PDB file of all heavy atoms in Angstrom:
ATOM      1  N   LYS A   1     137.714  89.568 -34.655  1.00  0.00           N
ATOM      2  CA  LYS A   1     136.749  90.275 -33.757  1.00  0.00           C
ATOM      3  C   LYS A   1     136.996  91.781 -33.778  1.00  0.00           C
ATOM      4  O   LYS A   1     135.991  92.519 -33.884  1.00  0.00           O
ATOM      5  CB  LYS A   1     136.924  89.664 -32.351  1.00  0.00           C
ATOM      6  CG  LYS A   1     135.912  90.268 -31.380  1.00  0.00           C
ATOM      7  CD  LYS A   1     136.051  89.644 -30.025  1.00  0.00           C
ATOM      8  CE  LYS A   1     135.010  90.254 -29.023  1.00  0.00           C
ATOM      9  NZ  LYS A   1     135.194  89.614 -27.649  1.00  0.00           N
ATOM     10  N   THR A   2     138.244  92.202 -33.675  1.00  0.00           N
ATOM     11  CA  THR A   2     138.500  93.599 -33.676  1.00  0.00           C
ATOM     12  C   THR A   2     138.205  94.238 -34.990  1.00  0.00           C
ATOM     13  O   THR A   2     137.592  95.289 -35.059  1.00  0.00           O
ATOM     14  CB  THR A   2     139.956  93.892 -33.355  1.00  0.00           C
ATOM     15  OG1 THR A   2     140.230  93.442 -32.048  1.00  0.00           O
ATOM     16  CG2 THR A   2     140.309  95.353 -33.404  1.00  0.00           C
ATOM     17  N   LEU A   3     138.508  93.539 -36.076  1.00  0.00           N
ATOM     18  CA  LEU A   3     138.254  94.118 -37.449  1.00  0.00           C
ATOM     19  C   LEU A   3     136.751  94.222 -37.700  1.00  0.00           C
ATOM     20  O   LEU A   3     136.331  95.155 -38.329  1.00  0.00           O
ATOM     21  CB  LEU A   3     138.832  93.071 -38.506  1.00  0.00           C
ATOM     22  CG  LEU A   3     140.335  93.033 -38.535  1.00  0.00           C
ATOM     23  CD1 LEU A   3     140.799  91.954 -39.530  1.00  0.00           C
ATOM     24  CD2 LEU A   3     140.985  94.395 -38.982  1.00  0.00           C
ATOM     25  N   LYS A   4     135.991  93.301 -37.190  1.00  0.00           N
ATOM     26  CA  LYS A   4     134.518  93.367 -37.419  1.00  0.00           C
ATOM     27  C   LYS A   4     133.928  94.634 -36.849  1.00  0.00           C
ATOM     28  O   LYS A   4     132.927  95.109 -37.424  1.00  0.00           O
ATOM     29  CB  LYS A   4     133.877  92.091 -36.824  1.00  0.00           C
ATOM     30  CG  LYS A   4     132.372  91.861 -37.279  1.00  0.00           C
ATOM     31  CD  LYS A   4     131.881  90.552 -36.735  1.00  0.00           C
ATOM     32  CE  LYS A   4     130.442  90.358 -37.291  1.00  0.00           C
ATOM     33  NZ  LYS A   4     129.989  88.977 -36.896  1.00  0.00           N
ATOM     34  N   ASN A   5     134.431  95.073 -35.762  1.00  0.00           N
ATOM     35  CA  ASN A   5     133.900  96.305 -35.107  1.00  0.00           C
ATOM     36  C   ASN A   5     134.376  97.540 -35.781  1.00  0.00           C
ATOM     37  O   ASN A   5     133.755  98.646 -35.561  1.00  0.00           O
ATOM     38  CB  ASN A   5     134.335  96.341 -33.626  1.00  0.00           C
ATOM     39  CG  ASN A   5     133.720  95.239 -32.806  1.00  0.00           C
ATOM     40  OD1 ASN A   5     132.607  94.821 -33.082  1.00  0.00           O
ATOM     41  ND2 ASN A   5     134.466  94.769 -31.787  1.00  0.00           N
ATOM     42  N   LEU A   6     135.384  97.511 -36.593  1.00  0.00           N
ATOM     43  CA  LEU A   6     135.944  98.698 -37.232  1.00  0.00           C
ATOM     44  C   LEU A   6     135.777  98.780 -38.741  1.00  0.00           C
ATOM     45  O   LEU A   6     136.015  99.881 -39.321  1.00  0.00           O
ATOM     46  CB  LEU A   6     137.460  98.747 -36.900  1.00  0.00           C
ATOM     47  CG  LEU A   6     137.851  98.816 -35.475  1.00  0.00           C
ATOM     48  CD1 LEU A   6     139.341  98.633 -35.277  1.00  0.00           C
ATOM     49  CD2 LEU A   6     137.387 100.192 -34.839  1.00  0.00           C
ATOM     50  N   LEU A   7     135.312  97.695 -39.402  1.00  0.00           N
ATOM     51  CA  LEU A   7     135.190  97.728 -40.835  1.00  0.00           C
ATOM     52  C   LEU A   7     133.723  97.484 -41.296  1.00  0.00           C
ATOM     53  O   LEU A   7     132.937  96.957 -40.566  1.00  0.00           O
ATOM     54  CB  LEU A   7     136.068  96.527 -41.402  1.00  0.00           C
ATOM     55  CG  LEU A   7     137.431  96.379 -40.967  1.00  0.00           C
ATOM     56  CD1 LEU A   7     138.127  95.221 -41.645  1.00  0.00           C
ATOM     57  CD2 LEU A   7     138.263  97.632 -41.241  1.00  0.00           C
ATOM     58  N   SER A   8     133.457  98.009 -42.500  1.00  0.00           N
ATOM     59  CA  SER A   8     132.162  97.800 -43.106  1.00  0.00           C
ATOM     60  C   SER A   8     132.151  96.346 -43.514  1.00  0.00           C
ATOM     61  O   SER A   8     133.229  95.673 -43.494  1.00  0.00           O
ATOM     62  CB  SER A   8     131.952  98.708 -44.300  1.00  0.00           C
ATOM     63  OG  SER A   8     132.861  98.390 -45.363  1.00  0.00           O
ATOM     64  N   ARG A   9     130.980  95.853 -43.832  1.00  0.00           N
ATOM     65  CA  ARG A   9     130.889  94.449 -44.178  1.00  0.00           C
ATOM     66  C   ARG A   9     131.709  94.091 -45.431  1.00  0.00           C
ATOM     67  O   ARG A   9     132.377  93.008 -45.444  1.00  0.00           O
ATOM     68  CB  ARG A   9     129.381  94.105 -44.472  1.00  0.00           C
ATOM     69  CG  ARG A   9     129.139  92.618 -44.771  1.00  0.00           C
ATOM     70  CD  ARG A   9     129.584  91.728 -43.639  1.00  0.00           C
ATOM     71  NE  ARG A   9     129.498  90.319 -43.982  1.00  0.00           N
ATOM     72  CZ  ARG A   9     128.381  89.594 -43.645  1.00  0.00           C
ATOM     73  NH1 ARG A   9     127.354  90.165 -43.077  1.00  0.00           N
ATOM     74  NH2 ARG A   9     128.333  88.317 -43.973  1.00  0.00           N
ATOM     75  N   GLU A  10     131.681  94.930 -46.412  1.00  0.00           N
ATOM     76  CA  GLU A  10     132.421  94.584 -47.670  1.00  0.00           C
ATOM     77  C   GLU A  10     133.968  94.607 -47.359  1.00  0.00           C
ATOM     78  O   GLU A  10     134.662  93.661 -47.839  1.00  0.00           O
ATOM     79  CB  GLU A  10     132.109  95.644 -48.708  1.00  0.00           C
ATOM     80  CG  GLU A  10     130.713  95.640 -49.195  1.00  0.00           C
ATOM     81  CD  GLU A  10     129.739  96.309 -48.269  1.00  0.00           C
ATOM     82  OE1 GLU A  10     130.202  96.959 -47.201  1.00  0.00           O
ATOM     83  OE2 GLU A  10     128.495  96.091 -48.476  1.00  0.00           O
ATOM     84  N   VAL A  11     134.463  95.575 -46.676  1.00  0.00           N
ATOM     85  CA  VAL A  11     135.860  95.661 -46.338  1.00  0.00           C
ATOM     86  C   VAL A  11     136.257  94.506 -45.429  1.00  0.00           C
ATOM     87  O   VAL A  11     137.326  93.896 -45.605  1.00  0.00           O
ATOM     88  CB  VAL A  11     136.287  97.043 -45.731  1.00  0.00           C
ATOM     89  CG1 VAL A  11     137.786  97.008 -45.316  1.00  0.00           C
ATOM     90  CG2 VAL A  11     135.976  98.102 -46.708  1.00  0.00           C
ATOM     91  N   TYR A  12     135.391  94.172 -44.483  1.00  0.00           N
ATOM     92  CA  TYR A  12     135.668  93.080 -43.551  1.00  0.00           C
ATOM     93  C   TYR A  12     135.804  91.766 -44.378  1.00  0.00           C
ATOM     94  O   TYR A  12     136.769  90.996 -44.066  1.00  0.00           O
ATOM     95  CB  TYR A  12     134.541  93.017 -42.564  1.00  0.00           C
ATOM     96  CG  TYR A  12     134.602  91.804 -41.592  1.00  0.00           C
ATOM     97  CD1 TYR A  12     135.550  91.839 -40.563  1.00  0.00           C
ATOM     98  CD2 TYR A  12     133.874  90.660 -41.826  1.00  0.00           C
ATOM     99  CE1 TYR A  12     135.655  90.654 -39.713  1.00  0.00           C
ATOM    100  CE2 TYR A  12     133.926  89.598 -40.973  1.00  0.00           C
ATOM    101  CZ  TYR A  12     134.846  89.598 -39.934  1.00  0.00           C
ATOM    102  OH  TYR A  12     134.956  88.447 -39.085  1.00  0.00           O
ATOM    103  N   ASP A  13     134.911  91.502 -45.230  1.00  0.00           N
ATOM    104  CA  ASP A  13     134.966  90.338 -46.003  1.00  0.00           C
ATOM    105  C   ASP A  13     136.295  90.182 -46.792  1.00  0.00           C
ATOM    106  O   ASP A  13     136.863  89.105 -46.843  1.00  0.00           O
ATOM    107  CB  ASP A  13     133.822  90.208 -47.005  1.00  0.00           C
ATOM    108  CG  ASP A  13     132.435  90.004 -46.269  1.00  0.00           C
ATOM    109  OD1 ASP A  13     132.493  89.652 -45.116  1.00  0.00           O
ATOM    110  OD2 ASP A  13     131.422  90.239 -46.927  1.00  0.00           O
ATOM    111  N   GLY A  14     136.761  91.347 -47.301  1.00  0.00           N
ATOM    112  CA  GLY A  14     138.062  91.275 -48.086  1.00  0.00           C
ATOM    113  C   GLY A  14     139.211  91.002 -47.136  1.00  0.00           C
ATOM    114  O   GLY A  14     140.101  90.233 -47.513  1.00  0.00           O
ATOM    115  N   PHE A  15     139.219  91.641 -46.002  1.00  0.00           N
ATOM    116  CA  PHE A  15     140.284  91.392 -45.019  1.00  0.00           C
ATOM    117  C   PHE A  15     140.300  89.944 -44.554  1.00  0.00           C
ATOM    118  O   PHE A  15     141.388  89.331 -44.474  1.00  0.00           O
ATOM    119  CB  PHE A  15     140.139  92.349 -43.815  1.00  0.00           C
ATOM    120  CG  PHE A  15     140.794  93.714 -44.020  1.00  0.00           C
ATOM    121  CD1 PHE A  15     140.564  94.436 -45.154  1.00  0.00           C
ATOM    122  CD2 PHE A  15     141.570  94.275 -43.056  1.00  0.00           C
ATOM    123  CE1 PHE A  15     141.120  95.707 -45.370  1.00  0.00           C
ATOM    124  CE2 PHE A  15     142.158  95.495 -43.206  1.00  0.00           C
ATOM    125  CZ  PHE A  15     141.945  96.279 -44.384  1.00  0.00           C
ATOM    126  N   VAL A  16     139.131  89.425 -44.230  1.00  0.00           N
ATOM    127  CA  VAL A  16     139.006  88.084 -43.752  1.00  0.00           C
ATOM    128  C   VAL A  16     139.474  87.044 -44.826  1.00  0.00           C
ATOM    129  O   VAL A  16     140.094  86.098 -44.492  1.00  0.00           O
ATOM    130  CB  VAL A  16     137.587  87.724 -43.264  1.00  0.00           C
ATOM    131  CG1 VAL A  16     137.431  86.286 -42.997  1.00  0.00           C
ATOM    132  CG2 VAL A  16     137.289  88.522 -41.957  1.00  0.00           C
ATOM    133  N   ALA A  17     139.089  87.363 -46.035  1.00  0.00           N
ATOM    134  CA  ALA A  17     139.475  86.458 -47.166  1.00  0.00           C
ATOM    135  C   ALA A  17     141.061  86.389 -47.238  1.00  0.00           C
ATOM    136  O   ALA A  17     141.627  85.325 -47.417  1.00  0.00           O
ATOM    137  CB  ALA A  17     138.902  86.913 -48.461  1.00  0.00           C
ATOM    138  N   ALA A  18     141.716  87.520 -47.086  1.00  0.00           N
ATOM    139  CA  ALA A  18     143.146  87.591 -47.171  1.00  0.00           C
ATOM    140  C   ALA A  18     143.762  86.860 -45.914  1.00  0.00           C
ATOM    141  O   ALA A  18     144.783  86.091 -46.035  1.00  0.00           O
ATOM    142  CB  ALA A  18     143.656  88.978 -47.130  1.00  0.00           C
ATOM    143  N   ILE A  19     143.200  87.026 -44.760  1.00  0.00           N
ATOM    144  CA  ILE A  19     143.674  86.349 -43.564  1.00  0.00           C
ATOM    145  C   ILE A  19     143.499  84.829 -43.723  1.00  0.00           C
ATOM    146  O   ILE A  19     144.424  84.026 -43.359  1.00  0.00           O
ATOM    147  CB  ILE A  19     142.888  86.846 -42.324  1.00  0.00           C
ATOM    148  CG1 ILE A  19     143.227  88.298 -42.010  1.00  0.00           C
ATOM    149  CG2 ILE A  19     143.212  85.992 -41.114  1.00  0.00           C
ATOM    150  CD1 ILE A  19     142.448  88.907 -40.921  1.00  0.00           C
ATOM    151  N   SER A  20     142.362  84.441 -44.188  1.00  0.00           N
ATOM    152  CA  SER A  20     142.074  82.950 -44.335  1.00  0.00           C
ATOM    153  C   SER A  20     143.022  82.328 -45.326  1.00  0.00           C
ATOM    154  O   SER A  20     143.556  81.211 -45.114  1.00  0.00           O
ATOM    155  CB  SER A  20     140.625  82.729 -44.772  1.00  0.00           C
ATOM    156  OG  SER A  20     139.721  83.200 -43.893  1.00  0.00           O
ATOM    157  N   ASP A  21     143.364  83.012 -46.357  1.00  0.00           N
ATOM    158  CA  ASP A  21     144.305  82.517 -47.397  1.00  0.00           C
ATOM    159  C   ASP A  21     145.747  82.442 -46.815  1.00  0.00           C
ATOM    160  O   ASP A  21     146.432  81.430 -47.052  1.00  0.00           O
ATOM    161  CB  ASP A  21     144.302  83.528 -48.602  1.00  0.00           C
ATOM    162  CG  ASP A  21     145.259  83.072 -49.725  1.00  0.00           C
ATOM    163  OD1 ASP A  21     145.030  82.010 -50.307  1.00  0.00           O
ATOM    164  OD2 ASP A  21     146.266  83.772 -49.917  1.00  0.00           O
ATOM    165  N   ARG A  22     146.086  83.428 -45.993  1.00  0.00           N
ATOM    166  CA  ARG A  22     147.320  83.377 -45.285  1.00  0.00           C
ATOM    167  C   ARG A  22     147.449  82.223 -44.303  1.00  0.00           C
ATOM    168  O   ARG A  22     148.465  81.493 -44.265  1.00  0.00           O
ATOM    169  CB  ARG A  22     147.574  84.675 -44.590  1.00  0.00           C
ATOM    170  CG  ARG A  22     148.909  84.919 -44.022  1.00  0.00           C
ATOM    171  CD  ARG A  22     149.065  86.326 -43.447  1.00  0.00           C
ATOM    172  NE  ARG A  22     148.270  86.472 -42.199  1.00  0.00           N
ATOM    173  CZ  ARG A  22     147.614  87.568 -41.785  1.00  0.00           C
ATOM    174  NH1 ARG A  22     147.542  88.608 -42.607  1.00  0.00           N
ATOM    175  NH2 ARG A  22     146.990  87.620 -40.671  1.00  0.00           N
ATOM    176  N   GLU A  23     146.381  81.967 -43.597  1.00  0.00           N
ATOM    177  CA  GLU A  23     146.332  80.898 -42.645  1.00  0.00           C
ATOM    178  C   GLU A  23     146.405  79.517 -43.317  1.00  0.00           C
ATOM    179  O   GLU A  23     147.042  78.566 -42.835  1.00  0.00           O
ATOM    180  CB  GLU A  23     145.105  81.026 -41.770  1.00  0.00           C
ATOM    181  CG  GLU A  23     145.177  82.179 -40.823  1.00  0.00           C
ATOM    182  CD  GLU A  23     143.775  82.388 -40.131  1.00  0.00           C
ATOM    183  OE1 GLU A  23     142.828  81.847 -40.558  1.00  0.00           O
ATOM    184  OE2 GLU A  23     143.768  83.072 -39.050  1.00  0.00           O
ATOM    185  N   ALA A  24     145.715  79.474 -44.489  1.00  0.00           N
ATOM    186  CA  ALA A  24     145.703  78.155 -45.250  1.00  0.00           C
ATOM    187  C   ALA A  24     147.167  77.862 -45.703  1.00  0.00           C
ATOM    188  O   ALA A  24     147.460  76.706 -45.838  1.00  0.00           O
ATOM    189  CB  ALA A  24     144.807  78.303 -46.419  1.00  0.00           C
ATOM    190  N   LYS A  25     147.967  78.785 -45.951  1.00  0.00           N
ATOM    191  CA  LYS A  25     149.353  78.601 -46.403  1.00  0.00           C
ATOM    192  C   LYS A  25     150.319  78.508 -45.196  1.00  0.00           C
ATOM    193  O   LYS A  25     151.544  78.407 -45.403  1.00  0.00           O
ATOM    194  CB  LYS A  25     149.788  79.681 -47.289  1.00  0.00           C
ATOM    195  CG  LYS A  25     148.988  79.797 -48.597  1.00  0.00           C
ATOM    196  CD  LYS A  25     149.415  81.010 -49.374  1.00  0.00           C
ATOM    197  CE  LYS A  25     148.582  81.097 -50.661  1.00  0.00           C
ATOM    198  NZ  LYS A  25     148.956  82.326 -51.470  1.00  0.00           N
ATOM    199  N   SER A  26     149.797  78.575 -43.951  1.00  0.00           N
ATOM    200  CA  SER A  26     150.612  78.644 -42.782  1.00  0.00           C
ATOM    201  C   SER A  26     151.620  79.787 -42.709  1.00  0.00           C
ATOM    202  O   SER A  26     152.683  79.681 -42.165  1.00  0.00           O
ATOM    203  CB  SER A  26     151.314  77.322 -42.582  1.00  0.00           C
ATOM    204  OG  SER A  26     150.444  76.255 -42.416  1.00  0.00           O
ATOM    205  N   GLU A  27     151.193  80.883 -43.347  1.00  0.00           N
ATOM    206  CA  GLU A  27     152.073  82.066 -43.275  1.00  0.00           C
ATOM    207  C   GLU A  27     151.635  82.998 -42.151  1.00  0.00           C
ATOM    208  O   GLU A  27     150.468  83.022 -41.696  1.00  0.00           O
ATOM    209  CB  GLU A  27     151.899  82.833 -44.620  1.00  0.00           C
ATOM    210  CG  GLU A  27     152.399  82.007 -45.840  1.00  0.00           C
ATOM    211  CD  GLU A  27     152.139  82.795 -47.116  1.00  0.00           C
ATOM    212  OE1 GLU A  27     151.421  83.841 -47.096  1.00  0.00           O
ATOM    213  OE2 GLU A  27     152.596  82.253 -48.189  1.00  0.00           O
ATOM    214  N   LYS A  28     152.609  83.717 -41.607  1.00  0.00           N
ATOM    215  CA  LYS A  28     152.393  84.651 -40.577  1.00  0.00           C
ATOM    216  C   LYS A  28     153.000  85.994 -40.826  1.00  0.00           C
ATOM    217  O   LYS A  28     154.094  86.076 -41.508  1.00  0.00           O
ATOM    218  CB  LYS A  28     152.983  84.048 -39.222  1.00  0.00           C
ATOM    219  CG  LYS A  28     152.228  82.843 -38.717  1.00  0.00           C
ATOM    220  CD  LYS A  28     152.741  82.488 -37.341  1.00  0.00           C
ATOM    221  CE  LYS A  28     152.030  81.228 -36.859  1.00  0.00           C
ATOM    222  NZ  LYS A  28     152.447  80.794 -35.538  1.00  0.00           N
ATOM    223  N   ILE A  29     152.376  87.018 -40.322  1.00  0.00           N
ATOM    224  CA  ILE A  29     152.932  88.414 -40.562  1.00  0.00           C
ATOM    225  C   ILE A  29     153.500  88.826 -39.223  1.00  0.00           C
ATOM    226  O   ILE A  29     152.841  88.801 -38.163  1.00  0.00           O
ATOM    227  CB  ILE A  29     151.823  89.386 -40.998  1.00  0.00           C
ATOM    228  CG1 ILE A  29     151.363  89.052 -42.383  1.00  0.00           C
ATOM    229  CG2 ILE A  29     152.410  90.847 -40.934  1.00  0.00           C
ATOM    230  CD1 ILE A  29     150.293  90.005 -42.850  1.00  0.00           C
ATOM    231  N   GLN A  30     154.802  89.225 -39.280  1.00  0.00           N
ATOM    232  CA  GLN A  30     155.476  89.778 -38.116  1.00  0.00           C
ATOM    233  C   GLN A  30     155.465  91.223 -38.274  1.00  0.00           C
ATOM    234  O   GLN A  30     156.055  91.750 -39.193  1.00  0.00           O
ATOM    235  CB  GLN A  30     156.847  89.236 -37.987  1.00  0.00           C
ATOM    236  CG  GLN A  30     157.761  89.801 -36.838  1.00  0.00           C
ATOM    237  CD  GLN A  30     159.182  89.319 -36.886  1.00  0.00           C
ATOM    238  OE1 GLN A  30     159.484  88.391 -37.656  1.00  0.00           O
ATOM    239  NE2 GLN A  30     160.073  90.052 -36.224  1.00  0.00           N
ATOM    240  N   SER A  31     154.688  91.986 -37.438  1.00  0.00           N
ATOM    241  CA  SER A  31     154.547  93.461 -37.683  1.00  0.00           C
ATOM    242  C   SER A  31     154.729  94.222 -36.355  1.00  0.00           C
ATOM    243  O   SER A  31     154.344  93.781 -35.277  1.00  0.00           O
ATOM    244  CB  SER A  31     153.086  93.660 -38.239  1.00  0.00           C
ATOM    245  OG  SER A  31     152.948  95.013 -38.590  1.00  0.00           O
ATOM    246  N   SER A  32     155.362  95.404 -36.577  1.00  0.00           N
ATOM    247  CA  SER A  32     155.473  96.339 -35.459  1.00  0.00           C
ATOM    248  C   SER A  32     155.120  97.737 -35.874  1.00  0.00           C
ATOM    249  O   SER A  32     155.719  98.255 -36.887  1.00  0.00           O
ATOM    250  CB  SER A  32     156.906  96.244 -34.910  1.00  0.00           C
ATOM    251  OG  SER A  32     157.099  97.200 -33.892  1.00  0.00           O
ATOM    252  N   PHE A  33     154.161  98.326 -35.275  1.00  0.00           N
ATOM    253  CA  PHE A  33     153.703  99.682 -35.693  1.00  0.00           C
ATOM    254  C   PHE A  33     154.616 100.751 -35.057  1.00  0.00           C
ATOM    255  O   PHE A  33     154.721 100.807 -33.823  1.00  0.00           O
ATOM    256  CB  PHE A  33     152.216  99.862 -35.335  1.00  0.00           C
ATOM    257  CG  PHE A  33     151.607 101.078 -35.902  1.00  0.00           C
ATOM    258  CD1 PHE A  33     151.021 100.989 -37.210  1.00  0.00           C
ATOM    259  CD2 PHE A  33     151.568 102.317 -35.202  1.00  0.00           C
ATOM    260  CE1 PHE A  33     150.427 102.072 -37.765  1.00  0.00           C
ATOM    261  CE2 PHE A  33     150.995 103.404 -35.840  1.00  0.00           C
ATOM    262  CZ  PHE A  33     150.367 103.266 -37.053  1.00  0.00           C
ATOM    263  N   VAL A  34     155.245 101.568 -35.867  1.00  0.00           N
ATOM    264  CA  VAL A  34     156.119 102.618 -35.372  1.00  0.00           C
ATOM    265  C   VAL A  34     155.379 103.893 -35.073  1.00  0.00           C
ATOM    266  O   VAL A  34     155.508 104.489 -33.982  1.00  0.00           O
ATOM    267  CB  VAL A  34     157.254 102.892 -36.379  1.00  0.00           C
ATOM    268  CG1 VAL A  34     158.204 103.983 -35.898  1.00  0.00           C
ATOM    269  CG2 VAL A  34     158.066 101.585 -36.643  1.00  0.00           C
ATOM    270  N   GLY A  35     154.516 104.316 -36.002  1.00  0.00           N
ATOM    271  CA  GLY A  35     153.762 105.590 -35.758  1.00  0.00           C
ATOM    272  C   GLY A  35     153.251 106.150 -37.001  1.00  0.00           C
ATOM    273  O   GLY A  35     153.526 105.653 -38.130  1.00  0.00           O
ATOM    274  N   ILE A  36     152.379 107.209 -36.871  1.00  0.00           N
ATOM    275  CA  ILE A  36     151.829 107.913 -38.042  1.00  0.00           C
ATOM    276  C   ILE A  36     152.530 109.277 -38.188  1.00  0.00           C
ATOM    277  O   ILE A  36     152.551 110.086 -37.288  1.00  0.00           O
ATOM    278  CB  ILE A  36     150.384 108.127 -37.823  1.00  0.00           C
ATOM    279  CG1 ILE A  36     149.637 106.758 -37.853  1.00  0.00           C
ATOM    280  CG2 ILE A  36     149.746 108.977 -38.886  1.00  0.00           C
ATOM    281  CD1 ILE A  36     148.137 106.813 -37.520  1.00  0.00           C
ATOM    282  N   ASP A  37     153.092 109.509 -39.372  1.00  0.00           N
ATOM    283  CA  ASP A  37     153.665 110.767 -39.651  1.00  0.00           C
ATOM    284  C   ASP A  37     152.653 111.858 -40.057  1.00  0.00           C
ATOM    285  O   ASP A  37     152.770 112.962 -39.662  1.00  0.00           O
ATOM    286  CB  ASP A  37     154.753 110.584 -40.794  1.00  0.00           C
ATOM    287  CG  ASP A  37     155.952 109.813 -40.384  1.00  0.00           C
ATOM    288  OD1 ASP A  37     156.187 109.744 -39.107  1.00  0.00           O
ATOM    289  OD2 ASP A  37     156.531 109.125 -41.267  1.00  0.00           O
ATOM    290  N   LYS A  38     151.715 111.485 -40.851  1.00  0.00           N
ATOM    291  CA  LYS A  38     150.692 112.439 -41.332  1.00  0.00           C
ATOM    292  C   LYS A  38     149.374 111.720 -41.500  1.00  0.00           C
ATOM    293  O   LYS A  38     149.266 110.580 -41.796  1.00  0.00           O
ATOM    294  CB  LYS A  38     151.085 113.016 -42.727  1.00  0.00           C
ATOM    295  CG  LYS A  38     152.243 113.964 -42.640  1.00  0.00           C
ATOM    296  CD  LYS A  38     152.456 114.598 -44.041  1.00  0.00           C
ATOM    297  CE  LYS A  38     153.679 115.538 -44.078  1.00  0.00           C
ATOM    298  NZ  LYS A  38     153.860 116.148 -45.433  1.00  0.00           N
ATOM    299  N   ALA A  39     148.334 112.445 -41.168  1.00  0.00           N
ATOM    300  CA  ALA A  39     146.970 112.013 -41.383  1.00  0.00           C
ATOM    301  C   ALA A  39     146.130 113.196 -41.737  1.00  0.00           C
ATOM    302  O   ALA A  39     145.766 114.019 -40.943  1.00  0.00           O
ATOM    303  CB  ALA A  39     146.372 111.355 -40.163  1.00  0.00           C
ATOM    304  N   ASP A  40     145.869 113.362 -43.079  1.00  0.00           N
ATOM    305  CA  ASP A  40     145.179 114.547 -43.609  1.00  0.00           C
ATOM    306  C   ASP A  40     143.839 114.162 -44.276  1.00  0.00           C
ATOM    307  O   ASP A  40     143.805 113.192 -45.097  1.00  0.00           O
ATOM    308  CB  ASP A  40     145.979 115.313 -44.606  1.00  0.00           C
ATOM    309  CG  ASP A  40     147.369 115.748 -44.032  1.00  0.00           C
ATOM    310  OD1 ASP A  40     147.324 116.200 -42.890  1.00  0.00           O
ATOM    311  OD2 ASP A  40     148.438 115.642 -44.658  1.00  0.00           O
ATOM    312  N   ILE A  41     142.789 114.964 -43.945  1.00  0.00           N
ATOM    313  CA  ILE A  41     141.549 114.788 -44.641  1.00  0.00           C
ATOM    314  C   ILE A  41     141.652 115.332 -46.027  1.00  0.00           C
ATOM    315  O   ILE A  41     142.043 116.497 -46.227  1.00  0.00           O
ATOM    316  CB  ILE A  41     140.383 115.416 -43.903  1.00  0.00           C
ATOM    317  CG1 ILE A  41     140.255 114.772 -42.509  1.00  0.00           C
ATOM    318  CG2 ILE A  41     139.116 115.315 -44.659  1.00  0.00           C
ATOM    319  CD1 ILE A  41     139.109 115.474 -41.657  1.00  0.00           C
ATOM    320  N   VAL A  42     141.327 114.527 -47.048  1.00  0.00           N
ATOM    321  CA  VAL A  42     141.443 114.977 -48.426  1.00  0.00           C
ATOM    322  C   VAL A  42     140.097 115.272 -49.118  1.00  0.00           C
ATOM    323  O   VAL A  42     140.001 116.000 -50.069  1.00  0.00           O
ATOM    324  CB  VAL A  42     142.248 114.000 -49.302  1.00  0.00           C
ATOM    325  CG1 VAL A  42     143.702 113.960 -48.805  1.00  0.00           C
ATOM    326  CG2 VAL A  42     141.591 112.594 -49.310  1.00  0.00           C
ATOM    327  N   SER A  43     139.044 114.603 -48.550  1.00  0.00           N
ATOM    328  CA  SER A  43     137.703 114.902 -48.986  1.00  0.00           C
ATOM    329  C   SER A  43     136.618 114.517 -48.018  1.00  0.00           C
ATOM    330  O   SER A  43     136.873 113.683 -47.087  1.00  0.00           O
ATOM    331  CB  SER A  43     137.477 114.102 -50.331  1.00  0.00           C
ATOM    332  OG  SER A  43     137.396 112.726 -50.072  1.00  0.00           O
TER     333      SER A  43
END
């Protein structure tokens, strides 16, 4: 749901495909976001 609001249709489909594949294998990602060091516009 969150991804759908933030991604274009093409990127969303790619992300969902990877999530579905992970779920089919009963795999889980344990993740903790620490922070962003840099964020620069390049173009």
